[in-house]
Amino acid sequence: MKKTLFFTSALLIVFCITTGFIFSRFTGTMTARINAKDLQEYGLAIITASDPEFDNSAAPSLTGMSDEEIASIKPLSILIKNTSSKIVVGYTIVWECVDSVGQKNTFKFSRADSEAITDTEEYLKALPGTNLDKTIRPGAARLFSLLPSATRKGGGSASEAAQKDSASNDKSERVRRLSSELLTTYTAITVSIDAAFFDDGTFIGPDYTGLFDRIKAQVNAKLDLRRAISEKLKKGKSNREIFNDIEARAKTDIAVKRVSELFTPEDNYKFFSKLFANQFLQFRNMYGDKKAIDKALGPKDKPEPNLRKIK
C-alpha cells in the first residue's frame, strides 16, 4: 500500500544566512583550516577532510562528481557521523569564517520536519527512495559543505547531453573558483553542531539559533488540532461540526506567508496551525470524513511526543 504523508516545503525548514562572494579567479595560497565543535558525548561526531575516515564515508555523497569537483568541495566539507542508537531527524549546522583581519561571516544551515516527531513511524517509512531523506541514521554519516554540489544527470539526446556537460563544466568551474576564494579569504573556519533532534524527541546542542522552540511550536500546532478533534468526538459532536472548526482554522489570516520568514515560535505556531488544518482538509477530499479524522488523530497506540533537552 502506498504511504501517504504530506511533505511540504513548509515542513522542511531550510535556511542559509550568507554574505555574497564575487566569482573572481584567485591564485593565492590556500590558508583556511577547519576546526570542529561536535557533540561526541551524545553520539554526533564531525569528521573533517583531513581525517582518514573522510574519503570512504563521503564517497556515496560524491557519486557522479568529477575529480575536479571533489577536489574543490572536499577542503570545505565535513561529515556528521551518528554513533548513537537513535535517528537524527533535525539539525542546525553553523559555520563561522574569520578572515586575516578578524572579520567574521556566519553561515547557518538548518533542516527539521516536525512530522518526524509527531508521526515518526509513518514519516520514516515514507522517506526511502525520495530526495527528502535528510535524516542521519545510526552508524551513518552525512556530508555538509560550504559549497554547492554539482552532480550530472544521465539520459537524453546527444545534444542534450552536450548541453548538460557544458552546464556541468561551467558549474564545476564556478565551484572551483568559489572554493579557491573561500580558502584564500578565510584563515580560520569553525563548524559546529548547534542543535540536533533525535526521533524520540530528545534534543542536544547549545541552540543559539532557536531550533528547539521553533520545532516545539510546530509540534504543538499539530497536537492542539488533534486534541480539539478528540475533545469534540468525546462530546459527541458530528463530523460536520468537527470540520467546521478545521475549516475556520484553515482560513485564519496570518501575516507570515513564507517559511523563510518564520523567525519566532509564535510565527511558527500560527503558520503551522493553518497549514495542518489545510492538510487535514486535503485528507478529507482524498479519504472522506471518517478516515480523514482517523488520520488527523494520528497513531492511537502512541503517546504524545515529549520534546526535551538533554544538553
Protein backbone atom coordinates (compact mmCIF):
# COMPACT_ATOMS: atom_id res chain seq x y z
CA MET A 1 0.00 0.00 0.00
CA LYS A 2 1.33 3.39 -0.95
CA LYS A 3 2.14 5.55 2.04
CA THR A 4 0.55 8.99 2.09
CA LEU A 5 2.38 11.59 4.10
CA PHE A 6 2.25 15.26 3.21
CA PHE A 7 5.77 16.58 2.97
CA THR A 8 5.62 20.24 2.03
CA SER A 9 8.26 22.87 1.52
CA ALA A 10 6.80 24.47 4.62
CA LEU A 11 7.53 21.42 6.73
CA LEU A 12 11.16 21.22 5.74
CA ILE A 13 12.79 24.18 7.40
CA VAL A 14 15.93 25.05 5.49
CA PHE A 15 17.74 28.32 5.73
CA CYS A 16 21.16 29.69 4.96
CA ILE A 17 22.42 33.08 6.13
CA THR A 18 25.33 34.10 3.99
CA THR A 19 27.18 37.00 2.50
CA GLY A 20 27.85 37.38 -1.19
CA PHE A 21 31.01 36.35 -2.98
CA ILE A 22 32.50 37.53 -6.24
CA PHE A 23 33.49 34.70 -8.56
CA SER A 24 36.90 36.09 -9.41
CA ARG A 25 39.98 33.99 -10.14
CA PHE A 26 42.28 33.61 -7.14
CA THR A 27 45.83 32.31 -7.24
CA GLY A 28 46.78 32.97 -3.61
CA THR A 29 47.87 30.36 -1.11
CA MET A 30 45.03 28.38 0.44
CA THR A 31 45.34 29.06 4.17
CA ALA A 32 41.94 28.25 5.68
CA ARG A 33 41.75 25.48 8.26
CA ILE A 34 38.61 23.88 9.64
CA ASN A 35 38.07 23.47 13.36
CA ALA A 36 35.21 21.29 14.54
CA LYS A 37 32.92 21.51 17.55
CA ASP A 38 30.81 18.38 17.72
CA LEU A 39 28.74 16.56 20.32
CA GLN A 40 30.53 13.23 20.52
CA GLU A 41 29.39 12.60 24.08
CA TYR A 42 25.82 12.48 22.71
CA GLY A 43 26.64 10.46 19.60
CA LEU A 44 27.32 13.09 16.92
CA ALA A 45 30.88 13.40 15.63
CA ILE A 46 32.26 15.77 12.99
CA ILE A 47 34.73 14.23 10.54
CA THR A 48 36.86 16.77 8.66
CA ALA A 49 38.51 16.26 5.29
CA SER A 50 41.87 15.65 6.97
CA ASP A 51 40.52 12.61 8.82
CA PRO A 52 41.49 9.24 7.24
CA GLU A 53 37.85 8.14 7.52
CA PHE A 54 36.55 11.01 5.40
CA ASP A 55 37.09 9.67 1.86
CA ASN A 56 35.35 6.33 2.29
CA SER A 57 32.47 7.77 4.32
CA ALA A 58 31.93 10.69 1.91
CA ALA A 59 32.05 8.58 -1.27
CA PRO A 60 28.26 7.93 -1.51
CA SER A 61 27.55 11.67 -1.29
CA LEU A 62 30.08 12.49 -4.01
CA THR A 63 28.87 9.96 -6.58
CA GLY A 64 28.62 11.48 -10.05
CA MET A 65 31.10 14.29 -9.42
CA SER A 66 34.33 14.68 -11.31
CA ASP A 67 37.70 14.50 -9.59
CA GLU A 68 37.99 18.28 -10.04
CA GLU A 69 34.64 18.88 -8.33
CA ILE A 70 35.53 16.61 -5.44
CA ALA A 71 38.90 18.33 -5.05
CA SER A 72 37.11 21.69 -4.83
CA ILE A 73 34.40 20.57 -2.43
CA LYS A 74 36.45 18.40 -0.07
CA PRO A 75 38.50 21.11 1.75
CA LEU A 76 35.31 22.96 2.70
CA SER A 77 33.22 19.94 3.65
CA ILE A 78 32.65 17.87 6.75
CA LEU A 79 30.74 14.73 7.66
CA ILE A 80 28.49 14.35 10.65
CA LYS A 81 28.51 10.75 11.85
CA ASN A 82 25.77 9.40 14.07
CA THR A 83 27.30 6.98 16.58
CA SER A 84 24.14 6.85 18.72
CA SER A 85 21.36 4.26 18.55
CA LYS A 86 18.75 6.89 17.57
CA ILE A 87 17.90 8.58 14.27
CA VAL A 88 18.79 12.26 13.85
CA VAL A 89 15.71 13.92 12.31
CA GLY A 90 16.65 17.61 12.57
CA TYR A 91 19.74 19.76 12.97
CA THR A 92 21.37 23.15 12.63
CA ILE A 93 24.97 23.42 11.41
CA VAL A 94 26.85 26.70 11.87
CA TRP A 95 30.00 27.76 10.00
CA GLU A 96 31.99 30.69 11.39
CA CYS A 97 34.58 32.01 8.95
CA VAL A 98 37.26 34.51 10.00
CA ASP A 99 39.48 36.40 7.56
CA SER A 100 43.00 37.74 8.03
CA VAL A 101 41.82 41.00 9.65
CA GLY A 102 39.48 39.25 12.08
CA GLN A 103 36.21 39.90 10.27
CA LYS A 104 33.73 37.09 10.81
CA ASN A 105 31.00 35.78 8.50
CA THR A 106 28.49 33.21 9.75
CA PHE A 107 26.70 30.63 7.61
CA LYS A 108 23.82 28.59 9.02
CA PHE A 109 22.04 25.56 7.66
CA SER A 110 19.01 24.10 9.41
CA ARG A 111 16.71 21.26 8.44
CA ALA A 112 13.91 19.83 10.55
CA ASP A 113 10.47 18.34 9.98
CA SER A 114 8.03 18.24 12.88
CA GLU A 115 6.29 15.20 11.33
CA ALA A 116 9.43 13.22 12.16
CA ILE A 117 8.41 13.67 15.81
CA THR A 118 4.60 13.66 15.68
CA ASP A 119 4.27 10.83 13.10
CA THR A 120 7.67 9.15 13.36
CA GLU A 121 6.90 5.67 12.02
CA GLU A 122 4.88 6.87 9.01
CA TYR A 123 7.43 9.58 8.30
CA LEU A 124 10.39 7.20 8.25
CA LYS A 125 8.54 4.61 6.13
CA ALA A 126 7.70 7.27 3.52
CA LEU A 127 11.28 8.54 3.11
CA PRO A 128 13.16 5.72 1.32
CA GLY A 129 13.51 6.36 -2.40
CA THR A 130 12.82 10.08 -2.09
CA ASN A 131 15.19 13.04 -2.02
CA LEU A 132 13.52 14.22 1.18
CA ASP A 133 15.50 11.91 3.41
CA LYS A 134 17.94 14.19 5.22
CA THR A 135 17.99 12.12 8.39
CA ILE A 136 21.18 10.63 9.79
CA ARG A 137 20.64 7.00 10.71
CA PRO A 138 22.64 5.19 13.41
CA GLY A 139 26.11 4.42 12.06
CA ALA A 140 25.63 6.66 9.00
CA ALA A 141 27.43 9.87 8.05
CA ARG A 142 26.02 12.85 6.11
CA LEU A 143 28.05 15.36 4.10
CA PHE A 144 27.77 19.11 4.71
CA SER A 145 29.66 21.73 2.73
CA LEU A 146 30.01 25.46 2.27
CA LEU A 147 29.99 24.80 -1.47
CA PRO A 148 27.18 23.75 -3.81
CA SER A 149 27.37 20.22 -5.19
CA ALA A 150 27.41 19.67 -8.96
CA THR A 151 26.04 16.28 -9.97
CA ARG A 152 25.43 15.21 -13.54
CA LYS A 153 22.19 13.57 -14.67
CA GLY A 154 22.24 10.88 -17.34
CA GLY A 155 19.93 10.26 -20.28
CA GLY A 156 18.65 12.48 -23.07
CA SER A 157 19.80 13.01 -26.65
CA ALA A 158 23.40 13.64 -27.70
CA SER A 159 22.76 17.37 -27.99
CA GLU A 160 21.03 17.42 -24.61
CA ALA A 161 23.93 15.52 -23.11
CA ALA A 162 26.38 18.01 -24.60
CA GLN A 163 24.38 20.92 -23.18
CA LYS A 164 24.31 19.23 -19.77
CA ASP A 165 28.03 18.57 -19.91
CA SER A 166 28.67 22.21 -20.80
CA ALA A 167 26.46 23.43 -17.96
CA SER A 168 28.11 20.98 -15.58
CA ASN A 169 31.57 22.11 -16.65
CA ASP A 170 30.57 25.75 -16.11
CA LYS A 171 29.25 24.91 -12.66
CA SER A 172 32.38 22.93 -11.83
CA GLU A 173 34.49 25.96 -12.70
CA ARG A 174 32.33 28.23 -10.55
CA VAL A 175 32.64 25.80 -7.67
CA ARG A 176 36.42 25.63 -8.14
CA ARG A 177 36.74 29.40 -8.15
CA LEU A 178 34.48 29.83 -5.12
CA SER A 179 36.45 27.18 -3.25
CA SER A 180 39.69 28.96 -4.07
CA GLU A 181 38.24 32.29 -2.99
CA LEU A 182 36.94 31.00 0.33
CA LEU A 183 40.13 29.14 1.14
CA THR A 184 42.16 32.25 0.33
CA THR A 185 39.89 34.75 2.07
CA TYR A 186 39.46 32.92 5.36
CA THR A 187 42.27 31.95 7.69
CA ALA A 188 40.07 30.01 10.13
CA ILE A 189 36.75 28.20 9.76
CA THR A 190 34.90 26.69 12.70
CA VAL A 191 31.97 24.37 12.04
CA SER A 192 29.72 23.35 14.91
CA ILE A 193 26.57 21.35 15.57
CA ASP A 194 24.35 24.00 17.11
CA ALA A 195 21.29 21.78 17.52
CA ALA A 196 20.01 18.30 16.80
CA PHE A 197 16.75 16.42 17.30
CA PHE A 198 16.54 12.65 17.66
CA ASP A 199 13.47 10.67 16.63
CA ASP A 200 12.44 10.09 20.27
CA GLY A 201 12.06 13.84 20.85
CA THR A 202 15.35 14.34 22.69
CA PHE A 203 17.35 17.42 21.76
CA ILE A 204 21.01 18.34 22.09
CA GLY A 205 23.18 21.36 21.39
CA PRO A 206 23.63 24.94 22.61
CA ASP A 207 20.87 26.02 20.18
CA TYR A 208 21.89 29.61 19.61
CA THR A 209 19.62 29.55 16.54
CA GLY A 210 16.45 28.60 18.46
CA LEU A 211 15.61 25.36 16.61
CA PHE A 212 14.08 23.69 19.67
CA ASP A 213 11.45 26.37 20.24
CA ARG A 214 10.54 26.60 16.55
CA ILE A 215 10.00 22.85 16.17
CA LYS A 216 8.21 22.63 19.52
CA ALA A 217 5.79 25.29 18.25
CA GLN A 218 5.15 23.23 15.10
CA VAL A 219 4.59 20.08 17.15
CA ASN A 220 2.19 21.93 19.46
CA ALA A 221 0.26 23.23 16.45
CA LYS A 222 -0.48 19.69 15.30
CA LEU A 223 -1.11 18.32 18.80
CA ASP A 224 -3.54 21.14 19.64
CA LEU A 225 -5.53 20.40 16.49
CA ARG A 226 -5.59 16.70 17.35
CA ARG A 227 -6.72 17.47 20.90
CA ALA A 228 -9.51 19.72 19.61
CA ILE A 229 -10.78 16.96 17.32
CA SER A 230 -10.54 14.36 20.09
CA GLU A 231 -12.43 16.58 22.53
CA LYS A 232 -15.27 17.12 20.04
CA LEU A 233 -15.53 13.37 19.46
CA LYS A 234 -15.78 12.78 23.21
CA LYS A 235 -18.61 15.31 23.38
CA GLY A 236 -20.45 13.53 20.56
CA LYS A 237 -20.02 16.30 18.01
CA SER A 238 -20.80 15.46 14.40
CA ASN A 239 -18.24 15.22 11.60
CA ARG A 240 -19.74 18.40 10.18
CA GLU A 241 -19.09 20.28 13.42
CA ILE A 242 -15.54 18.93 13.60
CA PHE A 243 -14.73 20.02 10.07
CA ASN A 244 -16.35 23.43 10.59
CA ASP A 245 -13.70 24.05 13.24
CA ILE A 246 -10.91 22.79 10.99
CA GLU A 247 -12.13 24.94 8.11
CA ALA A 248 -12.13 28.01 10.40
CA ARG A 249 -8.52 27.29 11.36
CA ALA A 250 -7.57 26.86 7.71
CA LYS A 251 -8.98 30.30 6.88
CA THR A 252 -7.03 32.08 9.63
CA ASP A 253 -5.40 35.22 8.29
CA ILE A 254 -1.70 35.34 9.13
CA ALA A 255 0.86 37.92 8.09
CA VAL A 256 3.67 35.42 7.52
CA LYS A 257 3.42 33.77 4.11
CA ARG A 258 6.78 32.03 3.71
CA VAL A 259 8.60 29.60 6.00
CA SER A 260 11.84 31.52 5.45
CA GLU A 261 10.23 34.40 7.36
CA LEU A 262 9.33 32.30 10.42
CA PHE A 263 11.78 33.57 12.98
CA THR A 264 9.75 33.24 16.19
CA PRO A 265 7.95 30.28 17.81
CA GLU A 266 4.72 32.31 17.71
CA ASP A 267 5.02 32.72 13.94
CA ASN A 268 5.68 29.01 13.56
CA TYR A 269 2.67 28.07 15.65
CA LYS A 270 0.28 30.30 13.67
CA PHE A 271 1.66 29.26 10.30
CA PHE A 272 1.59 25.53 11.02
CA SER A 273 -1.81 25.62 12.71
CA LYS A 274 -3.19 26.88 9.41
CA LEU A 275 -1.05 24.53 7.33
CA PHE A 276 -2.06 21.40 9.29
CA ALA A 277 -5.72 22.38 9.12
CA ASN A 278 -5.44 22.67 5.34
CA GLN A 279 -3.61 19.35 5.25
CA PHE A 280 -6.43 17.60 7.09
CA LEU A 281 -8.94 19.11 4.66
CA GLN A 282 -6.90 17.51 1.87
CA PHE A 283 -7.17 14.20 3.71
CA ARG A 284 -10.93 14.70 3.75
CA ASN A 285 -11.07 15.22 -0.02
CA MET A 286 -8.97 12.11 -0.53
CA TYR A 287 -10.48 9.71 2.00
CA GLY A 288 -13.81 11.08 3.24
CA ASP A 289 -14.77 12.35 6.69
CA LYS A 290 -14.23 9.29 8.89
CA LYS A 291 -10.83 8.22 7.52
CA ALA A 292 -9.61 11.81 7.44
CA ILE A 293 -10.49 12.23 11.13
CA ASP A 294 -8.73 8.96 11.95
CA LYS A 295 -5.60 10.15 10.14
CA ALA A 296 -5.83 13.55 11.78
CA LEU A 297 -5.83 11.95 15.23
CA GLY A 298 -2.56 10.13 14.49
CA PRO A 299 -1.39 6.79 15.91
CA LYS A 300 -3.86 5.58 18.55
CA ASP A 301 -1.36 3.47 20.50
CA LYS A 302 1.42 6.07 20.63
CA PRO A 303 1.68 8.63 23.45
CA GLU A 304 2.10 12.28 22.56
CA PRO A 305 5.73 13.16 21.81
CA ASN A 306 7.79 14.57 24.64
CA LEU A 307 10.29 17.13 23.37
CA ARG A 308 13.06 17.60 25.88
CA LYS A 309 16.58 18.97 26.03
CA ILE A 310 19.28 16.66 27.36
CA LYS A 311 22.13 19.15 26.88
